[in-house]
Amino acid sequence: MKEIVELLIQNRIVLKSLEEIDKTVLGTKKKVRIFGGINEKGYYCVIFRIEQKSRILTKQIAEYIELEQKLETIKNHAYRYKYFIFEAPICSKAVKYIKDNNWKIL
C-alpha cells in the first residue's frame, strides 16, 4: 500500500481515502490488486495494479475494464478517474486501447 501511495504522490494525485478492494467480490482470480479512493475534490478513483511476467495484451485490458464496470455496479457509484499501474511489458495496441477508454497509465 505504501508504494502505491508514493507512486500517486509522484504523479501529483492526492487521495483523501484509499482502500484495497477484495477481488473475490468481483469473482475473479486474476493477479491484480484493486484500490478505490476519493480524491480531494470528492471524485471516486480506481487503481488497478497488475503484475505479470508476460506481455499485457488488448484482450486482457478489455477484461480489466469489464471488472471495473462490474465494480461500479457493486459499489453503486461511477469512478471518474481510472488508473493502471503495470509491472509488466505492455503491447502498444493495448496502450492505445487504454487511452481510448479514458484510463491513465502510471
PDB file of N, CA and C in Angstrom:
ATOM      1  N   MET A   1       0.829  -1.193   0.000  1.00  0.00           N
ATOM      2  CA  MET A   1       0.000   0.000   0.000  1.00  0.00           C
ATOM      3  C   MET A   1       0.871   1.253   0.000  1.00  0.00           C
ATOM      4  N   LYS A   2       1.980   1.199   0.739  1.00  0.00           N
ATOM      5  CA  LYS A   2       2.856   2.359   0.836  1.00  0.00           C
ATOM      6  C   LYS A   2       3.435   2.737  -0.526  1.00  0.00           C
ATOM      7  N   GLU A   3       3.819   1.733  -1.319  1.00  0.00           N
ATOM      8  CA  GLU A   3       4.384   2.014  -2.634  1.00  0.00           C
ATOM      9  C   GLU A   3       3.349   2.607  -3.589  1.00  0.00           C
ATOM     10  N   ILE A   4       2.095   2.233  -3.422  1.00  0.00           N
ATOM     11  CA  ILE A   4       1.020   2.816  -4.238  1.00  0.00           C
ATOM     12  C   ILE A   4       0.856   4.293  -3.894  1.00  0.00           C
ATOM     13  N   VAL A   5       0.855   4.605  -2.613  1.00  0.00           N
ATOM     14  CA  VAL A   5       0.708   5.988  -2.169  1.00  0.00           C
ATOM     15  C   VAL A   5       1.878   6.838  -2.665  1.00  0.00           C
ATOM     16  N   GLU A   6       3.085   6.296  -2.588  1.00  0.00           N
ATOM     17  CA  GLU A   6       4.257   7.034  -3.058  1.00  0.00           C
ATOM     18  C   GLU A   6       4.189   7.295  -4.565  1.00  0.00           C
ATOM     19  N   LEU A   7       3.730   6.295  -5.323  1.00  0.00           N
ATOM     20  CA  LEU A   7       3.591   6.465  -6.767  1.00  0.00           C
ATOM     21  C   LEU A   7       2.526   7.506  -7.104  1.00  0.00           C
ATOM     22  N   LEU A   8       1.448   7.534  -6.353  1.00  0.00           N
ATOM     23  CA  LEU A   8       0.407   8.534  -6.570  1.00  0.00           C
ATOM     24  C   LEU A   8       0.931   9.937  -6.276  1.00  0.00           C
ATOM     25  N   ILE A   9       1.696  10.066  -5.219  1.00  0.00           N
ATOM     26  CA  ILE A   9       2.256  11.373  -4.865  1.00  0.00           C
ATOM     27  C   ILE A   9       3.228  11.850  -5.941  1.00  0.00           C
ATOM     28  N   GLN A  10       4.035  10.946  -6.484  1.00  0.00           N
ATOM     29  CA  GLN A  10       4.958  11.311  -7.560  1.00  0.00           C
ATOM     30  C   GLN A  10       4.213  11.834  -8.787  1.00  0.00           C
ATOM     31  N   ASN A  11       3.011  11.309  -9.019  1.00  0.00           N
ATOM     32  CA  ASN A  11       2.212  11.731 -10.166  1.00  0.00           C
ATOM     33  C   ASN A  11       1.209  12.831  -9.814  1.00  0.00           C
ATOM     34  N   ARG A  12       1.403  13.424  -8.642  1.00  0.00           N
ATOM     35  CA  ARG A  12       0.576  14.539  -8.169  1.00  0.00           C
ATOM     36  C   ARG A  12      -0.909  14.178  -8.070  1.00  0.00           C
ATOM     37  N   ILE A  13      -1.168  12.996  -7.554  1.00  0.00           N
ATOM     38  CA  ILE A  13      -2.528  12.544  -7.308  1.00  0.00           C
ATOM     39  C   ILE A  13      -2.684  12.407  -5.800  1.00  0.00           C
ATOM     40  N   VAL A  14      -3.568  13.204  -5.231  1.00  0.00           N
ATOM     41  CA  VAL A  14      -3.772  13.195  -3.785  1.00  0.00           C
ATOM     42  C   VAL A  14      -5.163  12.625  -3.504  1.00  0.00           C
ATOM     43  N   LEU A  15      -5.191  11.581  -2.674  1.00  0.00           N
ATOM     44  CA  LEU A  15      -6.450  10.949  -2.309  1.00  0.00           C
ATOM     45  C   LEU A  15      -6.698  11.119  -0.819  1.00  0.00           C
ATOM     46  N   LYS A  16      -7.942  11.464  -0.472  1.00  0.00           N
ATOM     47  CA  LYS A  16      -8.317  11.592   0.936  1.00  0.00           C
ATOM     48  C   LYS A  16      -8.391  10.223   1.598  1.00  0.00           C
ATOM     49  N   SER A  17      -8.942   9.277   0.865  1.00  0.00           N
ATOM     50  CA  SER A  17      -9.046   7.923   1.399  1.00  0.00           C
ATOM     51  C   SER A  17      -8.634   6.935   0.314  1.00  0.00           C
ATOM     52  N   LEU A  18      -8.062   5.828   0.751  1.00  0.00           N
ATOM     53  CA  LEU A  18      -7.626   4.790  -0.174  1.00  0.00           C
ATOM     54  C   LEU A  18      -7.802   3.448   0.519  1.00  0.00           C
ATOM     55  N   GLU A  19      -8.475   2.512  -0.150  1.00  0.00           N
ATOM     56  CA  GLU A  19      -8.681   1.190   0.414  1.00  0.00           C
ATOM     57  C   GLU A  19      -8.489   0.136  -0.667  1.00  0.00           C
ATOM     58  N   GLU A  20      -8.017  -1.024  -0.236  1.00  0.00           N
ATOM     59  CA  GLU A  20      -7.871  -2.123  -1.185  1.00  0.00           C
ATOM     60  C   GLU A  20      -9.201  -2.854  -1.276  1.00  0.00           C
ATOM     61  N   ILE A  21      -9.619  -3.128  -2.498  1.00  0.00           N
ATOM     62  CA  ILE A  21     -10.893  -3.805  -2.743  1.00  0.00           C
ATOM     63  C   ILE A  21     -10.609  -5.283  -2.941  1.00  0.00           C
ATOM     64  N   ASP A  22     -11.353  -6.109  -2.231  1.00  0.00           N
ATOM     65  CA  ASP A  22     -11.174  -7.558  -2.317  1.00  0.00           C
ATOM     66  C   ASP A  22     -11.643  -8.044  -3.682  1.00  0.00           C
ATOM     67  N   LYS A  23     -10.761  -8.702  -4.426  1.00  0.00           N
ATOM     68  CA  LYS A  23     -11.108  -9.120  -5.785  1.00  0.00           C
ATOM     69  C   LYS A  23     -12.054 -10.310  -5.812  1.00  0.00           C
ATOM     70  N   THR A  24     -12.236 -11.006  -4.684  1.00  0.00           N
ATOM     71  CA  THR A  24     -13.186 -12.115  -4.661  1.00  0.00           C
ATOM     72  C   THR A  24     -14.622 -11.607  -4.746  1.00  0.00           C
ATOM     73  N   VAL A  25     -14.843 -10.350  -4.368  1.00  0.00           N
ATOM     74  CA  VAL A  25     -16.172  -9.742  -4.512  1.00  0.00           C
ATOM     75  C   VAL A  25     -16.562  -9.684  -5.984  1.00  0.00           C
ATOM     76  N   LEU A  26     -15.560  -9.489  -6.847  1.00  0.00           N
ATOM     77  CA  LEU A  26     -15.797  -9.428  -8.283  1.00  0.00           C
ATOM     78  C   LEU A  26     -15.824 -10.810  -8.921  1.00  0.00           C
ATOM     79  N   GLY A  27     -15.468 -11.828  -8.171  1.00  0.00           N
ATOM     80  CA  GLY A  27     -15.475 -13.183  -8.695  1.00  0.00           C
ATOM     81  C   GLY A  27     -14.344 -13.454  -9.666  1.00  0.00           C
ATOM     82  N   THR A  28     -13.165 -12.911  -9.402  1.00  0.00           N
ATOM     83  CA  THR A  28     -12.026 -13.108 -10.282  1.00  0.00           C
ATOM     84  C   THR A  28     -10.842 -13.664  -9.503  1.00  0.00           C
ATOM     85  N   LYS A  29     -10.001 -14.397 -10.225  1.00  0.00           N
ATOM     86  CA  LYS A  29      -8.776 -14.916  -9.628  1.00  0.00           C
ATOM     87  C   LYS A  29      -7.548 -14.331 -10.305  1.00  0.00           C
ATOM     88  N   LYS A  30      -7.723 -13.281 -11.067  1.00  0.00           N
ATOM     89  CA  LYS A  30      -6.616 -12.643 -11.775  1.00  0.00           C
ATOM     90  C   LYS A  30      -5.618 -12.063 -10.779  1.00  0.00           C
ATOM     91  N   LYS A  31      -4.368 -11.990 -11.217  1.00  0.00           N
ATOM     92  CA  LYS A  31      -3.326 -11.414 -10.369  1.00  0.00           C
ATOM     93  C   LYS A  31      -3.353  -9.903 -10.516  1.00  0.00           C
ATOM     94  N   VAL A  32      -4.262  -9.305  -9.808  1.00  0.00           N
ATOM     95  CA  VAL A  32      -4.439  -7.860  -9.849  1.00  0.00           C
ATOM     96  C   VAL A  32      -4.801  -7.389  -8.447  1.00  0.00           C
ATOM     97  N   ARG A  33      -4.291  -6.229  -8.097  1.00  0.00           N
ATOM     98  CA  ARG A  33      -4.698  -5.582  -6.848  1.00  0.00           C
ATOM     99  C   ARG A  33      -5.510  -4.357  -7.230  1.00  0.00           C
ATOM    100  N   ILE A  34      -6.646  -4.195  -6.603  1.00  0.00           N
ATOM    101  CA  ILE A  34      -7.560  -3.108  -6.939  1.00  0.00           C
ATOM    102  C   ILE A  34      -7.692  -2.198  -5.727  1.00  0.00           C
ATOM    103  N   PHE A  35      -7.526  -0.907  -5.980  1.00  0.00           N
ATOM    104  CA  PHE A  35      -7.650   0.094  -4.926  1.00  0.00           C
ATOM    105  C   PHE A  35      -8.724   1.101  -5.326  1.00  0.00           C
ATOM    106  N   GLY A  36      -9.507   1.517  -4.355  1.00  0.00           N
ATOM    107  CA  GLY A  36     -10.507   2.547  -4.584  1.00  0.00           C
ATOM    108  C   GLY A  36     -10.301   3.675  -3.599  1.00  0.00           C
ATOM    109  N   GLY A  37     -10.608   4.884  -4.036  1.00  0.00           N
ATOM    110  CA  GLY A  37     -10.421   6.014  -3.147  1.00  0.00           C
ATOM    111  C   GLY A  37     -11.190   7.228  -3.611  1.00  0.00           C
ATOM    112  N   ILE A  38     -11.099   8.272  -2.811  1.00  0.00           N
ATOM    113  CA  ILE A  38     -11.753   9.542  -3.120  1.00  0.00           C
ATOM    114  C   ILE A  38     -10.680  10.610  -3.130  1.00  0.00           C
ATOM    115  N   ASN A  39     -10.648  11.414  -4.206  1.00  0.00           N
ATOM    116  CA  ASN A  39      -9.621  12.463  -4.273  1.00  0.00           C
ATOM    117  C   ASN A  39     -10.088  13.696  -3.496  1.00  0.00           C
ATOM    118  N   GLU A  40      -9.252  14.718  -3.481  1.00  0.00           N
ATOM    119  CA  GLU A  40      -9.537  15.902  -2.660  1.00  0.00           C
ATOM    120  C   GLU A  40     -10.747  16.694  -3.145  1.00  0.00           C
ATOM    121  N   LYS A  41     -11.182  16.499  -4.390  1.00  0.00           N
ATOM    122  CA  LYS A  41     -12.363  17.185  -4.906  1.00  0.00           C
ATOM    123  C   LYS A  41     -13.643  16.375  -4.695  1.00  0.00           C
ATOM    124  N   GLY A  42     -13.508  15.166  -4.163  1.00  0.00           N
ATOM    125  CA  GLY A  42     -14.666  14.334  -3.868  1.00  0.00           C
ATOM    126  C   GLY A  42     -15.038  13.370  -4.979  1.00  0.00           C
ATOM    127  N   TYR A  43     -14.181  13.190  -5.962  1.00  0.00           N
ATOM    128  CA  TYR A  43     -14.447  12.260  -7.051  1.00  0.00           C
ATOM    129  C   TYR A  43     -13.857  10.890  -6.729  1.00  0.00           C
ATOM    130  N   TYR A  44     -14.557   9.846  -7.168  1.00  0.00           N
ATOM    131  CA  TYR A  44     -14.088   8.483  -6.941  1.00  0.00           C
ATOM    132  C   TYR A  44     -12.997   8.115  -7.934  1.00  0.00           C
ATOM    133  N   CYS A  45     -11.985   7.407  -7.444  1.00  0.00           N
ATOM    134  CA  CYS A  45     -10.858   6.953  -8.266  1.00  0.00           C
ATOM    135  C   CYS A  45     -10.696   5.448  -8.070  1.00  0.00           C
ATOM    136  N   VAL A  46     -10.270   4.766  -9.114  1.00  0.00           N
ATOM    137  CA  VAL A  46      -9.965   3.345  -9.026  1.00  0.00           C
ATOM    138  C   VAL A  46      -8.588   3.116  -9.630  1.00  0.00           C
ATOM    139  N   ILE A  47      -7.822   2.239  -8.979  1.00  0.00           N
ATOM    140  CA  ILE A  47      -6.461   1.949  -9.408  1.00  0.00           C
ATOM    141  C   ILE A  47      -6.306   0.437  -9.522  1.00  0.00           C
ATOM    142  N   PHE A  48      -5.871  -0.023 -10.684  1.00  0.00           N
ATOM    143  CA  PHE A  48      -5.590  -1.432 -10.907  1.00  0.00           C
ATOM    144  C   PHE A  48      -4.071  -1.605 -10.981  1.00  0.00           C
ATOM    145  N   ARG A  49      -3.511  -2.443 -10.130  1.00  0.00           N
ATOM    146  CA  ARG A  49      -2.072  -2.733 -10.170  1.00  0.00           C
ATOM    147  C   ARG A  49      -1.911  -4.155 -10.667  1.00  0.00           C
ATOM    148  N   ILE A  50      -1.251  -4.282 -11.814  1.00  0.00           N
ATOM    149  CA  ILE A  50      -1.139  -5.569 -12.480  1.00  0.00           C
ATOM    150  C   ILE A  50       0.324  -5.990 -12.509  1.00  0.00           C
ATOM    151  N   GLU A  51       0.587  -7.208 -12.018  1.00  0.00           N
ATOM    152  CA  GLU A  51       1.931  -7.769 -12.029  1.00  0.00           C
ATOM    153  C   GLU A  51       1.888  -9.102 -12.757  1.00  0.00           C
ATOM    154  N   GLN A  52       2.682  -9.211 -13.821  1.00  0.00           N
ATOM    155  CA  GLN A  52       2.830 -10.476 -14.509  1.00  0.00           C
ATOM    156  C   GLN A  52       4.117 -10.459 -15.313  1.00  0.00           C
ATOM    157  N   LYS A  53       4.545 -11.623 -15.761  1.00  0.00           N
ATOM    158  CA  LYS A  53       5.803 -11.715 -16.496  1.00  0.00           C
ATOM    159  C   LYS A  53       5.605 -11.557 -17.995  1.00  0.00           C
ATOM    160  N   SER A  54       4.468 -12.022 -18.499  1.00  0.00           N
ATOM    161  CA  SER A  54       4.230 -11.949 -19.938  1.00  0.00           C
ATOM    162  C   SER A  54       3.660 -10.591 -20.336  1.00  0.00           C
ATOM    163  N   ARG A  55       3.688 -10.315 -21.617  1.00  0.00           N
ATOM    164  CA  ARG A  55       3.210  -9.045 -22.149  1.00  0.00           C
ATOM    165  C   ARG A  55       1.694  -8.918 -21.972  1.00  0.00           C
ATOM    166  N   ILE A  56       1.252  -7.718 -21.644  1.00  0.00           N
ATOM    167  CA  ILE A  56      -0.173  -7.448 -21.469  1.00  0.00           C
ATOM    168  C   ILE A  56      -0.762  -7.076 -22.819  1.00  0.00           C
ATOM    169  N   LEU A  57      -1.842  -7.761 -23.191  1.00  0.00           N
ATOM    170  CA  LEU A  57      -2.472  -7.568 -24.491  1.00  0.00           C
ATOM    171  C   LEU A  57      -3.802  -6.842 -24.356  1.00  0.00           C
ATOM    172  N   THR A  58      -4.333  -6.411 -25.494  1.00  0.00           N
ATOM    173  CA  THR A  58      -5.603  -5.671 -25.530  1.00  0.00           C
ATOM    174  C   THR A  58      -6.741  -6.491 -24.931  1.00  0.00           C
ATOM    175  N   LYS A  59      -6.744  -7.791 -25.180  1.00  0.00           N
ATOM    176  CA  LYS A  59      -7.795  -8.669 -24.659  1.00  0.00           C
ATOM    177  C   LYS A  59      -7.839  -8.626 -23.135  1.00  0.00           C
ATOM    178  N   GLN A  60      -6.665  -8.632 -22.515  1.00  0.00           N
ATOM    179  CA  GLN A  60      -6.599  -8.580 -21.057  1.00  0.00           C
ATOM    180  C   GLN A  60      -7.077  -7.228 -20.533  1.00  0.00           C
ATOM    181  N   ILE A  61      -6.725  -6.160 -21.232  1.00  0.00           N
ATOM    182  CA  ILE A  61      -7.167  -4.822 -20.816  1.00  0.00           C
ATOM    183  C   ILE A  61      -8.690  -4.743 -20.861  1.00  0.00           C
ATOM    184  N   ALA A  62      -9.282  -5.319 -21.900  1.00  0.00           N
ATOM    185  CA  ALA A  62     -10.741  -5.327 -22.008  1.00  0.00           C
ATOM    186  C   ALA A  62     -11.364  -6.068 -20.820  1.00  0.00           C
ATOM    187  N   GLU A  63     -10.736  -7.150 -20.367  1.00  0.00           N
ATOM    188  CA  GLU A  63     -11.237  -7.886 -19.204  1.00  0.00           C
ATOM    189  C   GLU A  63     -11.142  -7.044 -17.929  1.00  0.00           C
ATOM    190  N   TYR A  64     -10.045  -6.286 -17.785  1.00  0.00           N
ATOM    191  CA  TYR A  64      -9.905  -5.427 -16.604  1.00  0.00           C
ATOM    192  C   TYR A  64     -10.924  -4.292 -16.616  1.00  0.00           C
ATOM    193  N   ILE A  65     -11.220  -3.762 -17.790  1.00  0.00           N
ATOM    194  CA  ILE A  65     -12.229  -2.705 -17.889  1.00  0.00           C
ATOM    195  C   ILE A  65     -13.609  -3.260 -17.545  1.00  0.00           C
ATOM    196  N   GLU A  66     -13.886  -4.507 -17.944  1.00  0.00           N
ATOM    197  CA  GLU A  66     -15.141  -5.148 -17.556  1.00  0.00           C
ATOM    198  C   GLU A  66     -15.215  -5.337 -16.041  1.00  0.00           C
ATOM    199  N   LEU A  67     -14.081  -5.679 -15.426  1.00  0.00           N
ATOM    200  CA  LEU A  67     -14.049  -5.794 -13.960  1.00  0.00           C
ATOM    201  C   LEU A  67     -14.392  -4.467 -13.299  1.00  0.00           C
ATOM    202  N   GLU A  68     -13.877  -3.376 -13.855  1.00  0.00           N
ATOM    203  CA  GLU A  68     -14.162  -2.051 -13.297  1.00  0.00           C
ATOM    204  C   GLU A  68     -15.644  -1.729 -13.430  1.00  0.00           C
ATOM    205  N   GLN A  69     -16.252  -2.081 -14.550  1.00  0.00           N
ATOM    206  CA  GLN A  69     -17.681  -1.833 -14.735  1.00  0.00           C
ATOM    207  C   GLN A  69     -18.507  -2.668 -13.766  1.00  0.00           C
ATOM    208  N   LYS A  70     -18.063  -3.898 -13.511  1.00  0.00           N
ATOM    209  CA  LYS A  70     -18.735  -4.753 -12.533  1.00  0.00           C
ATOM    210  C   LYS A  70     -18.605  -4.166 -11.136  1.00  0.00           C
ATOM    211  N   LEU A  71     -17.433  -3.603 -10.839  1.00  0.00           N
ATOM    212  CA  LEU A  71     -17.191  -2.966  -9.556  1.00  0.00           C
ATOM    213  C   LEU A  71     -18.099  -1.751  -9.363  1.00  0.00           C
ATOM    214  N   GLU A  72     -18.324  -0.987 -10.436  1.00  0.00           N
ATOM    215  CA  GLU A  72     -19.224   0.167 -10.357  1.00  0.00           C
ATOM    216  C   GLU A  72     -20.636  -0.260  -9.973  1.00  0.00           C
ATOM    217  N   THR A  73     -21.115  -1.372 -10.502  1.00  0.00           N
ATOM    218  CA  THR A  73     -22.463  -1.829 -10.163  1.00  0.00           C
ATOM    219  C   THR A  73     -22.522  -2.334  -8.721  1.00  0.00           C
ATOM    220  N   ILE A  74     -21.446  -2.977  -8.255  1.00  0.00           N
ATOM    221  CA  ILE A  74     -21.424  -3.478  -6.881  1.00  0.00           C
ATOM    222  C   ILE A  74     -21.358  -2.323  -5.880  1.00  0.00           C
ATOM    223  N   LYS A  75     -20.498  -1.350  -6.139  1.00  0.00           N
ATOM    224  CA  LYS A  75     -20.323  -0.213  -5.235  1.00  0.00           C
ATOM    225  C   LYS A  75     -21.417   0.844  -5.401  1.00  0.00           C
ATOM    226  N   ASN A  76     -22.159   0.768  -6.484  1.00  0.00           N
ATOM    227  CA  ASN A  76     -23.280   1.674  -6.763  1.00  0.00           C
ATOM    228  C   ASN A  76     -22.829   3.130  -6.938  1.00  0.00           C
ATOM    229  N   HIS A  77     -21.679   3.325  -7.574  1.00  0.00           N
ATOM    230  CA  HIS A  77     -21.221   4.657  -7.971  1.00  0.00           C
ATOM    231  C   HIS A  77     -20.233   4.516  -9.114  1.00  0.00           C
ATOM    232  N   ALA A  78     -20.055   5.589  -9.855  1.00  0.00           N
ATOM    233  CA  ALA A  78     -19.143   5.574 -11.004  1.00  0.00           C
ATOM    234  C   ALA A  78     -17.790   6.147 -10.599  1.00  0.00           C
ATOM    235  N   TYR A  79     -16.750   5.639 -11.217  1.00  0.00           N
ATOM    236  CA  TYR A  79     -15.396   6.137 -10.985  1.00  0.00           C
ATOM    237  C   TYR A  79     -15.066   7.160 -12.053  1.00  0.00           C
ATOM    238  N   ARG A  80     -14.669   8.329 -11.630  1.00  0.00           N
ATOM    239  CA  ARG A  80     -14.338   9.387 -12.585  1.00  0.00           C
ATOM    240  C   ARG A  80     -12.900   9.274 -13.076  1.00  0.00           C
ATOM    241  N   TYR A  81     -11.995   8.913 -12.177  1.00  0.00           N
ATOM    242  CA  TYR A  81     -10.586   8.777 -12.533  1.00  0.00           C
ATOM    243  C   TYR A  81     -10.189   7.315 -12.422  1.00  0.00           C
ATOM    244  N   LYS A  82      -9.580   6.794 -13.504  1.00  0.00           N
ATOM    245  CA  LYS A  82      -9.228   5.378 -13.569  1.00  0.00           C
ATOM    246  C   LYS A  82      -7.764   5.255 -13.975  1.00  0.00           C
ATOM    247  N   TYR A  83      -7.014   4.465 -13.194  1.00  0.00           N
ATOM    248  CA  TYR A  83      -5.578   4.350 -13.417  1.00  0.00           C
ATOM    249  C   TYR A  83      -5.142   2.893 -13.467  1.00  0.00           C
ATOM    250  N   PHE A  84      -4.140   2.630 -14.306  1.00  0.00           N
ATOM    251  CA  PHE A  84      -3.461   1.340 -14.350  1.00  0.00           C
ATOM    252  C   PHE A  84      -2.025   1.531 -13.889  1.00  0.00           C
ATOM    253  N   ILE A  85      -1.530   0.593 -13.108  1.00  0.00           N
ATOM    254  CA  ILE A  85      -0.112   0.523 -12.755  1.00  0.00           C
ATOM    255  C   ILE A  85       0.357  -0.846 -13.222  1.00  0.00           C
ATOM    256  N   PHE A  86       1.305  -0.856 -14.145  1.00  0.00           N
ATOM    257  CA  PHE A  86       1.783  -2.109 -14.716  1.00  0.00           C
ATOM    258  C   PHE A  86       3.172  -2.451 -14.214  1.00  0.00           C
ATOM    259  N   GLU A  87       3.358  -3.702 -13.851  1.00  0.00           N
ATOM    260  CA  GLU A  87       4.661  -4.250 -13.518  1.00  0.00           C
ATOM    261  C   GLU A  87       4.960  -5.328 -14.552  1.00  0.00           C
ATOM    262  N   ALA A  88       4.743  -4.986 -15.832  1.00  0.00           N
ATOM    263  CA  ALA A  88       4.928  -5.927 -16.927  1.00  0.00           C
ATOM    264  C   ALA A  88       5.048  -5.149 -18.233  1.00  0.00           C
ATOM    265  N   PRO A  89       5.621  -5.782 -19.258  1.00  0.00           N
ATOM    266  CA  PRO A  89       5.624  -5.126 -20.574  1.00  0.00           C
ATOM    267  C   PRO A  89       4.204  -5.049 -21.120  1.00  0.00           C
ATOM    268  N   ILE A  90       3.940  -4.037 -21.931  1.00  0.00           N
ATOM    269  CA  ILE A  90       2.586  -3.844 -22.448  1.00  0.00           C
ATOM    270  C   ILE A  90       2.627  -3.610 -23.952  1.00  0.00           C
ATOM    271  N   CYS A  91       1.688  -4.162 -24.642  1.00  0.00           N
ATOM    272  CA  CYS A  91       1.575  -4.035 -26.087  1.00  0.00           C
ATOM    273  C   CYS A  91       1.164  -2.605 -26.450  1.00  0.00           C
ATOM    274  N   SER A  92       1.682  -2.086 -27.557  1.00  0.00           N
ATOM    275  CA  SER A  92       1.371  -0.713 -27.959  1.00  0.00           C
ATOM    276  C   SER A  92      -0.106  -0.542 -28.314  1.00  0.00           C
ATOM    277  N   LYS A  93      -0.730  -1.595 -28.850  1.00  0.00           N
ATOM    278  CA  LYS A  93      -2.166  -1.521 -29.149  1.00  0.00           C
ATOM    279  C   LYS A  93      -2.981  -1.458 -27.866  1.00  0.00           C
ATOM    280  N   ALA A  94      -2.493  -2.114 -26.831  1.00  0.00           N
ATOM    281  CA  ALA A  94      -3.175  -2.073 -25.534  1.00  0.00           C
ATOM    282  C   ALA A  94      -3.091  -0.678 -24.927  1.00  0.00           C
ATOM    283  N   VAL A  95      -1.950   0.000 -25.108  1.00  0.00           N
ATOM    284  CA  VAL A  95      -1.803   1.375 -24.610  1.00  0.00           C
ATOM    285  C   VAL A  95      -2.807   2.287 -25.295  1.00  0.00           C
ATOM    286  N   LYS A  96      -2.965   2.138 -26.591  1.00  0.00           N
ATOM    287  CA  LYS A  96      -3.934   2.944 -27.341  1.00  0.00           C
ATOM    288  C   LYS A  96      -5.357   2.646 -26.869  1.00  0.00           C
ATOM    289  N   TYR A  97      -5.654   1.380 -26.634  1.00  0.00           N
ATOM    290  CA  TYR A  97      -6.980   0.965 -26.157  1.00  0.00           C
ATOM    291  C   TYR A  97      -7.282   1.576 -24.789  1.00  0.00           C
ATOM    292  N   ILE A  98      -6.270   1.617 -23.926  1.00  0.00           N
ATOM    293  CA  ILE A  98      -6.432   2.211 -22.593  1.00  0.00           C
ATOM    294  C   ILE A  98      -6.776   3.693 -22.713  1.00  0.00           C
ATOM    295  N   LYS A  99      -6.031   4.402 -23.533  1.00  0.00           N
ATOM    296  CA  LYS A  99      -6.259   5.841 -23.687  1.00  0.00           C
ATOM    297  C   LYS A  99      -7.602   6.132 -24.345  1.00  0.00           C
ATOM    298  N   ASP A 100      -8.045   5.271 -25.268  1.00  0.00           N
ATOM    299  CA  ASP A 100      -9.345   5.452 -25.913  1.00  0.00           C
ATOM    300  C   ASP A 100     -10.496   5.262 -24.945  1.00  0.00           C
ATOM    301  N   ASN A 101     -10.274   4.498 -23.871  1.00  0.00           N
ATOM    302  CA  ASN A 101     -11.310   4.252 -22.872  1.00  0.00           C
ATOM    303  C   ASN A 101     -11.178   5.135 -21.644  1.00  0.00           C
ATOM    304  N   ASN A 102     -10.429   6.233 -21.761  1.00  0.00           N
ATOM    305  CA  ASN A 102     -10.302   7.251 -20.704  1.00  0.00           C
ATOM    306  C   ASN A 102      -9.652   6.727 -19.424  1.00  0.00           C
ATOM    307  N   TRP A 103      -8.691   5.842 -19.561  1.00  0.00           N
ATOM    308  CA  TRP A 103      -7.884   5.385 -18.442  1.00  0.00           C
ATOM    309  C   TRP A 103      -6.522   6.041 -18.552  1.00  0.00           C
ATOM    310  N   LYS A 104      -5.780   6.069 -17.455  1.00  0.00           N
ATOM    311  CA  LYS A 104      -4.424   6.613 -17.462  1.00  0.00           C
ATOM    312  C   LYS A 104      -3.466   5.558 -16.945  1.00  0.00           C
ATOM    313  N   ILE A 105      -2.228   5.612 -17.444  1.00  0.00           N
ATOM    314  CA  ILE A 105      -1.191   4.682 -17.012  1.00  0.00           C
ATOM    315  C   ILE A 105      -0.209   5.433 -16.130  1.00  0.00           C
ATOM    316  N   LEU A 106       0.066   4.887 -14.961  1.00  0.00           N
ATOM    317  CA  LEU A 106       1.036   5.497 -14.048  1.00  0.00           C
ATOM    318  C   LEU A 106       2.343   4.724 -14.112  1.00  0.00           C
TER     319      LEU A 106
END
